[in-house]
Amino acid sequence: MAKRIEPTARQMRLAVELRRLRDAAGLTSREAAALLGVAAPQISQIESGLAGVSEKRLRRLAANYSCSDDELIEGLVAMTKDRTRGWWEGYRELLPTPFLDLAELEHHATFLKEVQFLFIPGPLQTEGYARAIFADRVPGLPAEEVELRVRHRMHRKETVAVTPYEAVIHEAALRIMVSDRTASRAQLAHVLETSEAEHVTVRVIPFQREGFASAASTMTYAGGAVPKLDTVVRDGPHGAAFIDSEAQLGAFRTLFHKVEDVSLDPERSRDFIHELAKEL
């Protein structure tokens, strides 16, 4: 199998999980290679995401590592089988890699949960809203890249059309006008329309809610085939950070429950957005 130059986040996640299984078994890469009958560098390439792994070889590795978590193994097997070149590949070398990795993660997610405080979540944005955000970047982006980013963001909305999705949005994000009043009204109307789908839940945190400070944590939480394969994405100063350690995932699950606790229920949230739209 050809050596990869730039593994995707999904490919790296599979590599990381195989490394974790080997570490849990207390084996060195040389020992694992001997059990598999391959050269030690091949294990290193697999665990760094530079080389793929077949289903047969993955199952042999799991057996050699004495992994008895059948659901986890099947989840990893699914990652080896799915080599789909999704729509996001059309943006490779045109947009930063994290844009592609996020789209791939959302495509394979079993559910998505998002928390935003200053902006409407990406999958709920209108084209006008997204364009205003990208066009107002400092330093500014070339017009061509702005349009590429807008098209990419609109493509991401297709995932929300089929994947269970829950968004918790702070009132600040609903009130901030990234463009003009007409665009803001259209954006709120779109959030309301999308929230009517059975698999979509939108909750609002009003300014007046108490107990908010400890729950303040912007995130995208993507469900994996099993909880161990969940991923949290957080925006950082140098791009998106993909978090997948079991301890951190547990902390973010707790944080999301805290955010839910201080938010309005879905029906009251829709009423809140309706009233807010009337003020514009």
C-alpha atoms as a PDB file:
ATOM      1  CA  MET A   1       0.000   0.000   0.000  1.00  0.00           C
ATOM      2  CA  ALA A   2       1.371   3.431  -0.981  1.00  0.00           C
ATOM      3  CA  LYS A   3       2.691   5.620   1.802  1.00  0.00           C
ATOM      4  CA  ARG A   4       0.412   8.560   2.616  1.00  0.00           C
ATOM      5  CA  ILE A   5       1.776  12.077   2.527  1.00  0.00           C
ATOM      6  CA  GLU A   6      -0.922  13.784   4.610  1.00  0.00           C
ATOM      7  CA  PRO A   7      -3.248  11.454   6.559  1.00  0.00           C
ATOM      8  CA  THR A   8      -6.752  12.757   7.236  1.00  0.00           C
ATOM      9  CA  ALA A   9      -7.973  13.232  10.812  1.00  0.00           C
ATOM     10  CA  ARG A  10     -10.046  10.045  10.460  1.00  0.00           C
ATOM     11  CA  GLN A  11      -7.028   8.047   9.306  1.00  0.00           C
ATOM     12  CA  MET A  12      -4.994   9.463  12.171  1.00  0.00           C
ATOM     13  CA  ARG A  13      -7.728   8.506  14.641  1.00  0.00           C
ATOM     14  CA  LEU A  14      -7.587   4.874  13.509  1.00  0.00           C
ATOM     15  CA  ALA A  15      -3.805   4.976  13.864  1.00  0.00           C
ATOM     16  CA  VAL A  16      -4.024   6.457  17.354  1.00  0.00           C
ATOM     17  CA  GLU A  17      -6.524   3.828  18.513  1.00  0.00           C
ATOM     18  CA  LEU A  18      -4.269   1.018  17.295  1.00  0.00           C
ATOM     19  CA  ARG A  19      -1.366   2.580  19.180  1.00  0.00           C
ATOM     20  CA  ARG A  20      -3.517   2.786  22.316  1.00  0.00           C
ATOM     21  CA  LEU A  21      -4.452  -0.894  22.017  1.00  0.00           C
ATOM     22  CA  ARG A  22      -0.798  -1.876  21.660  1.00  0.00           C
ATOM     23  CA  ASP A  23       0.212   0.252  24.640  1.00  0.00           C
ATOM     24  CA  ALA A  24      -2.573  -1.291  26.727  1.00  0.00           C
ATOM     25  CA  ALA A  25      -1.208  -4.726  25.828  1.00  0.00           C
ATOM     26  CA  GLY A  26       2.243  -3.686  27.011  1.00  0.00           C
ATOM     27  CA  LEU A  27       3.918  -4.497  23.702  1.00  0.00           C
ATOM     28  CA  THR A  28       6.613  -2.625  21.820  1.00  0.00           C
ATOM     29  CA  SER A  29       6.186  -1.937  18.116  1.00  0.00           C
ATOM     30  CA  ARG A  30       8.928  -4.496  17.431  1.00  0.00           C
ATOM     31  CA  GLU A  31       7.069  -7.154  19.445  1.00  0.00           C
ATOM     32  CA  ALA A  32       3.790  -6.327  17.687  1.00  0.00           C
ATOM     33  CA  ALA A  33       5.506  -6.592  14.305  1.00  0.00           C
ATOM     34  CA  ALA A  34       6.935 -10.004  15.220  1.00  0.00           C
ATOM     35  CA  LEU A  35       3.487 -11.295  16.187  1.00  0.00           C
ATOM     36  CA  LEU A  36       2.112 -10.042  12.873  1.00  0.00           C
ATOM     37  CA  GLY A  37       5.061 -11.295  10.850  1.00  0.00           C
ATOM     38  CA  VAL A  38       6.001  -7.902   9.421  1.00  0.00           C
ATOM     39  CA  ALA A  39       8.911  -5.481   9.798  1.00  0.00           C
ATOM     40  CA  ALA A  40       8.837  -3.092  12.773  1.00  0.00           C
ATOM     41  CA  PRO A  41       8.764   0.046  10.551  1.00  0.00           C
ATOM     42  CA  GLN A  42       5.424  -1.141   9.130  1.00  0.00           C
ATOM     43  CA  ILE A  43       3.797  -0.963  12.579  1.00  0.00           C
ATOM     44  CA  SER A  44       5.230   2.523  13.024  1.00  0.00           C
ATOM     45  CA  GLN A  45       3.798   3.636   9.686  1.00  0.00           C
ATOM     46  CA  ILE A  46       0.375   2.228  10.548  1.00  0.00           C
ATOM     47  CA  GLU A  47       0.408   3.924  13.956  1.00  0.00           C
ATOM     48  CA  SER A  48       1.413   7.271  12.446  1.00  0.00           C
ATOM     49  CA  GLY A  49      -1.328   7.130   9.817  1.00  0.00           C
ATOM     50  CA  LEU A  50       1.202   6.966   6.981  1.00  0.00           C
ATOM     51  CA  ALA A  51       0.019   3.483   5.952  1.00  0.00           C
ATOM     52  CA  GLY A  52      -3.406   1.905   5.934  1.00  0.00           C
ATOM     53  CA  VAL A  53      -4.380  -1.401   7.488  1.00  0.00           C
ATOM     54  CA  SER A  54      -6.673  -4.084   6.117  1.00  0.00           C
ATOM     55  CA  GLU A  55      -9.584  -5.570   8.049  1.00  0.00           C
ATOM     56  CA  LYS A  56      -7.806  -8.907   8.296  1.00  0.00           C
ATOM     57  CA  ARG A  57      -4.634  -7.353   9.658  1.00  0.00           C
ATOM     58  CA  LEU A  58      -6.563  -5.150  12.092  1.00  0.00           C
ATOM     59  CA  ARG A  59      -8.385  -8.171  13.523  1.00  0.00           C
ATOM     60  CA  ARG A  60      -5.078  -9.987  13.932  1.00  0.00           C
ATOM     61  CA  LEU A  61      -3.621  -7.002  15.741  1.00  0.00           C
ATOM     62  CA  ALA A  62      -6.652  -6.777  18.037  1.00  0.00           C
ATOM     63  CA  ALA A  63      -6.329 -10.494  18.830  1.00  0.00           C
ATOM     64  CA  ASN A  64      -2.600 -10.155  19.533  1.00  0.00           C
ATOM     65  CA  TYR A  65      -3.378  -7.193  21.801  1.00  0.00           C
ATOM     66  CA  SER A  66      -5.986  -9.293  23.667  1.00  0.00           C
ATOM     67  CA  CYS A  67      -8.667  -6.695  22.959  1.00  0.00           C
ATOM     68  CA  SER A  68     -12.056  -8.119  23.981  1.00  0.00           C
ATOM     69  CA  ASP A  69     -14.125  -5.013  23.181  1.00  0.00           C
ATOM     70  CA  ASP A  70     -16.012  -6.366  20.164  1.00  0.00           C
ATOM     71  CA  GLU A  71     -17.920  -3.130  19.564  1.00  0.00           C
ATOM     72  CA  LEU A  72     -14.712  -1.120  19.467  1.00  0.00           C
ATOM     73  CA  ILE A  73     -13.105  -3.615  17.092  1.00  0.00           C
ATOM     74  CA  GLU A  74     -16.093  -3.446  14.734  1.00  0.00           C
ATOM     75  CA  GLY A  75     -15.955   0.342  14.873  1.00  0.00           C
ATOM     76  CA  LEU A  76     -12.288   0.276  13.894  1.00  0.00           C
ATOM     77  CA  VAL A  77     -12.978  -2.269  11.160  1.00  0.00           C
ATOM     78  CA  ALA A  78     -15.585   0.097   9.709  1.00  0.00           C
ATOM     79  CA  MET A  79     -12.911   2.792   9.561  1.00  0.00           C
ATOM     80  CA  THR A  80     -10.628   0.518   7.533  1.00  0.00           C
ATOM     81  CA  LYS A  81     -13.378  -0.410   5.077  1.00  0.00           C
ATOM     82  CA  ASP A  82     -14.745   3.037   4.311  1.00  0.00           C
ATOM     83  CA  ARG A  83     -12.393   4.637   1.808  1.00  0.00           C
ATOM     84  CA  THR A  84     -15.017   7.000   0.423  1.00  0.00           C
ATOM     85  CA  ARG A  85     -13.657  10.089  -1.258  1.00  0.00           C
ATOM     86  CA  GLY A  86     -16.383  12.436  -0.086  1.00  0.00           C
ATOM     87  CA  TRP A  87     -17.430  15.788  -1.509  1.00  0.00           C
ATOM     88  CA  TRP A  88     -14.862  17.519   0.706  1.00  0.00           C
ATOM     89  CA  GLU A  89     -12.012  16.067  -1.377  1.00  0.00           C
ATOM     90  CA  GLY A  90     -12.953  18.546  -4.082  1.00  0.00           C
ATOM     91  CA  TYR A  91     -11.593  21.275  -1.788  1.00  0.00           C
ATOM     92  CA  ARG A  92      -8.223  19.654  -1.148  1.00  0.00           C
ATOM     93  CA  GLU A  93      -5.361  22.069  -1.798  1.00  0.00           C
ATOM     94  CA  LEU A  94      -7.956  24.838  -2.069  1.00  0.00           C
ATOM     95  CA  LEU A  95      -8.915  25.199   1.613  1.00  0.00           C
ATOM     96  CA  PRO A  96      -7.010  24.522   4.852  1.00  0.00           C
ATOM     97  CA  THR A  97      -6.922  20.839   5.815  1.00  0.00           C
ATOM     98  CA  PRO A  98      -9.027  21.293   9.011  1.00  0.00           C
ATOM     99  CA  PHE A  99     -12.002  22.272   6.814  1.00  0.00           C
ATOM    100  CA  LEU A 100     -11.795  18.889   5.079  1.00  0.00           C
ATOM    101  CA  ASP A 101     -11.197  16.962   8.297  1.00  0.00           C
ATOM    102  CA  LEU A 102     -14.245  18.530   9.955  1.00  0.00           C
ATOM    103  CA  ALA A 103     -16.480  17.716   6.980  1.00  0.00           C
ATOM    104  CA  GLU A 104     -15.231  14.106   6.965  1.00  0.00           C
ATOM    105  CA  LEU A 105     -15.811  13.806  10.716  1.00  0.00           C
ATOM    106  CA  GLU A 106     -19.370  15.126  10.420  1.00  0.00           C
ATOM    107  CA  HIS A 107     -20.095  12.809   7.487  1.00  0.00           C
ATOM    108  CA  HIS A 108     -19.225   9.705   9.524  1.00  0.00           C
ATOM    109  CA  ALA A 109     -20.700  10.889  12.848  1.00  0.00           C
ATOM    110  CA  THR A 110     -23.581   8.951  14.391  1.00  0.00           C
ATOM    111  CA  PHE A 111     -24.775  12.197  16.007  1.00  0.00           C
ATOM    112  CA  LEU A 112     -23.600  15.797  16.331  1.00  0.00           C
ATOM    113  CA  LYS A 113     -23.864  18.172  19.278  1.00  0.00           C
ATOM    114  CA  GLU A 114     -22.687  21.769  19.094  1.00  0.00           C
ATOM    115  CA  VAL A 115     -22.344  24.692  21.489  1.00  0.00           C
ATOM    116  CA  GLN A 116     -21.782  28.238  20.232  1.00  0.00           C
ATOM    117  CA  PHE A 117     -21.723  31.572  22.061  1.00  0.00           C
ATOM    118  CA  LEU A 118     -20.796  34.221  19.477  1.00  0.00           C
ATOM    119  CA  PHE A 119     -21.858  32.807  16.110  1.00  0.00           C
ATOM    120  CA  ILE A 120     -24.653  30.677  14.717  1.00  0.00           C
ATOM    121  CA  PRO A 121     -23.336  27.097  14.348  1.00  0.00           C
ATOM    122  CA  GLY A 122     -21.939  26.432  10.881  1.00  0.00           C
ATOM    123  CA  PRO A 123     -24.487  23.770   9.848  1.00  0.00           C
ATOM    124  CA  LEU A 124     -27.312  26.231  10.648  1.00  0.00           C
ATOM    125  CA  GLN A 125     -25.909  29.239   8.812  1.00  0.00           C
ATOM    126  CA  THR A 126     -27.470  30.816   5.746  1.00  0.00           C
ATOM    127  CA  GLU A 127     -25.296  31.594   2.752  1.00  0.00           C
ATOM    128  CA  GLY A 128     -25.483  35.325   3.455  1.00  0.00           C
ATOM    129  CA  TYR A 129     -24.492  34.887   7.097  1.00  0.00           C
ATOM    130  CA  ALA A 130     -21.531  32.645   6.217  1.00  0.00           C
ATOM    131  CA  ARG A 131     -20.335  35.040   3.530  1.00  0.00           C
ATOM    132  CA  ALA A 132     -20.444  37.980   5.955  1.00  0.00           C
ATOM    133  CA  ILE A 133     -18.309  36.058   8.482  1.00  0.00           C
ATOM    134  CA  PHE A 134     -15.672  34.983   5.985  1.00  0.00           C
ATOM    135  CA  ALA A 135     -15.565  38.346   4.199  1.00  0.00           C
ATOM    136  CA  ASP A 136     -14.926  40.179   7.480  1.00  0.00           C
ATOM    137  CA  ARG A 137     -11.791  38.213   8.368  1.00  0.00           C
ATOM    138  CA  VAL A 138      -8.654  40.072   9.487  1.00  0.00           C
ATOM    139  CA  PRO A 139      -6.454  39.852   7.536  1.00  0.00           C
ATOM    140  CA  GLY A 140      -8.926  39.736   4.688  1.00  0.00           C
ATOM    141  CA  LEU A 141      -9.317  36.732   2.396  1.00  0.00           C
ATOM    142  CA  PRO A 142      -9.275  36.876  -1.415  1.00  0.00           C
ATOM    143  CA  ALA A 143     -12.809  36.957  -2.847  1.00  0.00           C
ATOM    144  CA  GLU A 144     -12.253  33.553  -4.467  1.00  0.00           C
ATOM    145  CA  GLU A 145     -11.369  31.915  -1.142  1.00  0.00           C
ATOM    146  CA  VAL A 146     -14.350  33.544   0.563  1.00  0.00           C
ATOM    147  CA  GLU A 147     -16.633  31.920  -1.998  1.00  0.00           C
ATOM    148  CA  LEU A 148     -14.873  28.561  -1.603  1.00  0.00           C
ATOM    149  CA  ARG A 149     -15.398  28.676   2.158  1.00  0.00           C
ATOM    150  CA  VAL A 150     -19.050  29.636   1.750  1.00  0.00           C
ATOM    151  CA  ARG A 151     -19.659  26.759  -0.682  1.00  0.00           C
ATOM    152  CA  HIS A 152     -17.901  24.350   1.671  1.00  0.00           C
ATOM    153  CA  ARG A 153     -20.043  25.520   4.606  1.00  0.00           C
ATOM    154  CA  MET A 154     -23.255  25.134   2.589  1.00  0.00           C
ATOM    155  CA  HIS A 155     -22.160  21.610   1.662  1.00  0.00           C
ATOM    156  CA  ARG A 156     -21.776  20.780   5.378  1.00  0.00           C
ATOM    157  CA  LYS A 157     -25.466  21.527   5.883  1.00  0.00           C
ATOM    158  CA  GLU A 158     -26.297  18.337   3.976  1.00  0.00           C
ATOM    159  CA  THR A 159     -24.995  16.337   6.961  1.00  0.00           C
ATOM    160  CA  VAL A 160     -27.491  17.982   9.308  1.00  0.00           C
ATOM    161  CA  ALA A 161     -30.256  16.934   6.929  1.00  0.00           C
ATOM    162  CA  VAL A 162     -29.680  13.277   7.837  1.00  0.00           C
ATOM    163  CA  THR A 163     -27.682  13.123  11.093  1.00  0.00           C
ATOM    164  CA  PRO A 164     -29.182  13.637  14.587  1.00  0.00           C
ATOM    165  CA  TYR A 165     -28.097  17.152  15.496  1.00  0.00           C
ATOM    166  CA  GLU A 166     -28.376  19.218  18.671  1.00  0.00           C
ATOM    167  CA  ALA A 167     -27.244  22.816  18.903  1.00  0.00           C
ATOM    168  CA  VAL A 168     -27.082  24.985  22.003  1.00  0.00           C
ATOM    169  CA  ILE A 169     -26.798  28.663  21.064  1.00  0.00           C
ATOM    170  CA  HIS A 170     -26.273  31.582  23.418  1.00  0.00           C
ATOM    171  CA  GLU A 171     -28.495  34.635  23.019  1.00  0.00           C
ATOM    172  CA  ALA A 172     -25.395  36.662  22.129  1.00  0.00           C
ATOM    173  CA  ALA A 173     -24.913  34.621  18.938  1.00  0.00           C
ATOM    174  CA  LEU A 174     -28.555  35.172  17.990  1.00  0.00           C
ATOM    175  CA  ARG A 175     -28.355  38.930  18.537  1.00  0.00           C
ATOM    176  CA  ILE A 176     -24.990  39.727  16.938  1.00  0.00           C
ATOM    177  CA  MET A 177     -25.640  41.054  13.429  1.00  0.00           C
ATOM    178  CA  VAL A 178     -22.733  39.936  11.264  1.00  0.00           C
ATOM    179  CA  SER A 179     -24.304  41.763   8.317  1.00  0.00           C
ATOM    180  CA  ASP A 180     -27.563  43.777   8.332  1.00  0.00           C
ATOM    181  CA  ARG A 181     -31.043  43.383   9.846  1.00  0.00           C
ATOM    182  CA  THR A 182     -32.454  41.705   6.745  1.00  0.00           C
ATOM    183  CA  ALA A 183     -29.729  39.056   6.811  1.00  0.00           C
ATOM    184  CA  SER A 184     -30.188  38.579  10.568  1.00  0.00           C
ATOM    185  CA  ARG A 185     -33.930  38.048  10.208  1.00  0.00           C
ATOM    186  CA  ALA A 186     -33.298  35.535   7.412  1.00  0.00           C
ATOM    187  CA  GLN A 187     -30.759  33.735   9.616  1.00  0.00           C
ATOM    188  CA  LEU A 188     -33.131  33.448  12.580  1.00  0.00           C
ATOM    189  CA  ALA A 189     -35.910  32.246  10.274  1.00  0.00           C
ATOM    190  CA  HIS A 190     -33.577  29.569   8.920  1.00  0.00           C
ATOM    191  CA  VAL A 191     -32.664  28.372  12.419  1.00  0.00           C
ATOM    192  CA  LEU A 192     -36.375  28.080  13.244  1.00  0.00           C
ATOM    193  CA  GLU A 193     -37.135  26.234  10.023  1.00  0.00           C
ATOM    194  CA  THR A 194     -34.289  23.775  10.524  1.00  0.00           C
ATOM    195  CA  SER A 195     -35.259  23.176  14.166  1.00  0.00           C
ATOM    196  CA  GLU A 196     -38.629  21.800  13.059  1.00  0.00           C
ATOM    197  CA  ALA A 197     -37.004  18.629  11.707  1.00  0.00           C
ATOM    198  CA  GLU A 198     -37.501  15.632  14.020  1.00  0.00           C
ATOM    199  CA  HIS A 199     -33.774  14.853  14.215  1.00  0.00           C
ATOM    200  CA  VAL A 200     -32.733  18.472  14.939  1.00  0.00           C
ATOM    201  CA  THR A 201     -32.857  20.081  18.388  1.00  0.00           C
ATOM    202  CA  VAL A 202     -32.070  23.741  19.036  1.00  0.00           C
ATOM    203  CA  ARG A 203     -31.725  25.139  22.550  1.00  0.00           C
ATOM    204  CA  VAL A 204     -31.085  28.728  23.599  1.00  0.00           C
ATOM    205  CA  ILE A 205     -29.212  30.114  26.597  1.00  0.00           C
ATOM    206  CA  PRO A 206     -30.706  33.571  27.402  1.00  0.00           C
ATOM    207  CA  PHE A 207     -28.584  36.271  29.017  1.00  0.00           C
ATOM    208  CA  GLN A 208     -30.741  36.008  32.145  1.00  0.00           C
ATOM    209  CA  ARG A 209     -29.963  32.376  32.849  1.00  0.00           C
ATOM    210  CA  GLU A 210     -27.983  31.753  36.019  1.00  0.00           C
ATOM    211  CA  GLY A 211     -25.275  29.136  36.523  1.00  0.00           C
ATOM    212  CA  PHE A 212     -23.810  29.746  33.094  1.00  0.00           C
ATOM    213  CA  ALA A 213     -20.122  30.486  33.775  1.00  0.00           C
ATOM    214  CA  SER A 214     -19.012  26.918  34.537  1.00  0.00           C
ATOM    215  CA  ALA A 215     -20.757  25.653  31.403  1.00  0.00           C
ATOM    216  CA  ALA A 216     -19.097  28.070  28.976  1.00  0.00           C
ATOM    217  CA  SER A 217     -17.295  25.795  26.514  1.00  0.00           C
ATOM    218  CA  THR A 218     -17.682  26.139  22.762  1.00  0.00           C
ATOM    219  CA  MET A 219     -17.464  22.742  21.090  1.00  0.00           C
ATOM    220  CA  THR A 220     -18.566  20.366  18.364  1.00  0.00           C
ATOM    221  CA  TYR A 221     -19.126  16.858  19.733  1.00  0.00           C
ATOM    222  CA  ALA A 222     -19.248  14.104  17.102  1.00  0.00           C
ATOM    223  CA  GLY A 223     -20.468  10.646  18.042  1.00  0.00           C
ATOM    224  CA  GLY A 224     -18.482   7.651  16.850  1.00  0.00           C
ATOM    225  CA  ALA A 225     -19.549   4.058  16.271  1.00  0.00           C
ATOM    226  CA  VAL A 226     -18.928   3.553  20.016  1.00  0.00           C
ATOM    227  CA  PRO A 227     -18.356   6.195  22.741  1.00  0.00           C
ATOM    228  CA  LYS A 228     -14.598   5.503  22.738  1.00  0.00           C
ATOM    229  CA  LEU A 229     -14.518   6.718  19.126  1.00  0.00           C
ATOM    230  CA  ASP A 230     -16.276  10.024  19.836  1.00  0.00           C
ATOM    231  CA  THR A 231     -14.433  13.234  18.940  1.00  0.00           C
ATOM    232  CA  VAL A 232     -14.600  16.816  20.182  1.00  0.00           C
ATOM    233  CA  VAL A 233     -13.568  19.664  17.894  1.00  0.00           C
ATOM    234  CA  ARG A 234     -12.598  23.035  19.329  1.00  0.00           C
ATOM    235  CA  ASP A 235     -11.502  26.148  17.490  1.00  0.00           C
ATOM    236  CA  GLY A 236      -8.070  27.415  18.473  1.00  0.00           C
ATOM    237  CA  PRO A 237      -5.833  30.326  17.480  1.00  0.00           C
ATOM    238  CA  HIS A 238      -4.063  28.157  14.903  1.00  0.00           C
ATOM    239  CA  GLY A 239      -7.034  26.133  13.631  1.00  0.00           C
ATOM    240  CA  ALA A 240      -9.316  23.369  14.828  1.00  0.00           C
ATOM    241  CA  ALA A 241      -8.152  20.953  17.527  1.00  0.00           C
ATOM    242  CA  PHE A 242      -9.461  17.375  17.425  1.00  0.00           C
ATOM    243  CA  ILE A 243      -9.733  15.861  20.915  1.00  0.00           C
ATOM    244  CA  ASP A 244     -10.189  12.125  21.424  1.00  0.00           C
ATOM    245  CA  SER A 245      -8.635  10.977  24.701  1.00  0.00           C
ATOM    246  CA  GLU A 246     -11.117   9.092  26.880  1.00  0.00           C
ATOM    247  CA  ALA A 247     -10.587  11.385  29.888  1.00  0.00           C
ATOM    248  CA  GLN A 248     -11.142  14.556  27.863  1.00  0.00           C
ATOM    249  CA  LEU A 249     -14.187  13.109  26.115  1.00  0.00           C
ATOM    250  CA  GLY A 250     -15.707  12.377  29.517  1.00  0.00           C
ATOM    251  CA  ALA A 251     -15.058  15.959  30.614  1.00  0.00           C
ATOM    252  CA  PHE A 252     -16.709  17.385  27.510  1.00  0.00           C
ATOM    253  CA  ARG A 253     -19.732  15.108  27.919  1.00  0.00           C
ATOM    254  CA  THR A 254     -20.136  16.547  31.413  1.00  0.00           C
ATOM    255  CA  LEU A 255     -19.731  20.082  30.104  1.00  0.00           C
ATOM    256  CA  PHE A 256     -22.364  19.526  27.435  1.00  0.00           C
ATOM    257  CA  HIS A 257     -24.837  18.288  30.072  1.00  0.00           C
ATOM    258  CA  LYS A 258     -24.137  21.461  32.068  1.00  0.00           C
ATOM    259  CA  VAL A 259     -24.845  23.567  28.991  1.00  0.00           C
ATOM    260  CA  GLU A 260     -28.111  21.701  28.433  1.00  0.00           C
ATOM    261  CA  ASP A 261     -29.091  22.277  32.064  1.00  0.00           C
ATOM    262  CA  VAL A 262     -28.814  26.066  31.765  1.00  0.00           C
ATOM    263  CA  SER A 263     -30.555  26.242  28.366  1.00  0.00           C
ATOM    264  CA  LEU A 264     -34.243  26.545  27.549  1.00  0.00           C
ATOM    265  CA  ASP A 265     -36.092  23.464  26.327  1.00  0.00           C
ATOM    266  CA  PRO A 266     -36.607  23.218  22.541  1.00  0.00           C
ATOM    267  CA  GLU A 267     -40.164  24.611  22.530  1.00  0.00           C
ATOM    268  CA  ARG A 268     -39.311  27.604  24.704  1.00  0.00           C
ATOM    269  CA  SER A 269     -36.176  28.133  22.635  1.00  0.00           C
ATOM    270  CA  ARG A 270     -38.225  28.411  19.438  1.00  0.00           C
ATOM    271  CA  ASP A 271     -40.552  30.897  21.147  1.00  0.00           C
ATOM    272  CA  PHE A 272     -37.514  32.879  22.285  1.00  0.00           C
ATOM    273  CA  ILE A 273     -36.100  33.058  18.742  1.00  0.00           C
ATOM    274  CA  HIS A 274     -39.519  34.066  17.370  1.00  0.00           C
ATOM    275  CA  GLU A 275     -39.685  36.977  19.818  1.00  0.00           C
ATOM    276  CA  LEU A 276     -36.115  37.976  19.077  1.00  0.00           C
ATOM    277  CA  ALA A 277     -36.845  38.026  15.336  1.00  0.00           C
ATOM    278  CA  LYS A 278     -39.749  40.436  15.945  1.00  0.00           C
ATOM    279  CA  GLU A 279     -37.345  42.920  17.515  1.00  0.00           C
ATOM    280  CA  LEU A 280     -35.235  43.178  14.363  1.00  0.00           C
END
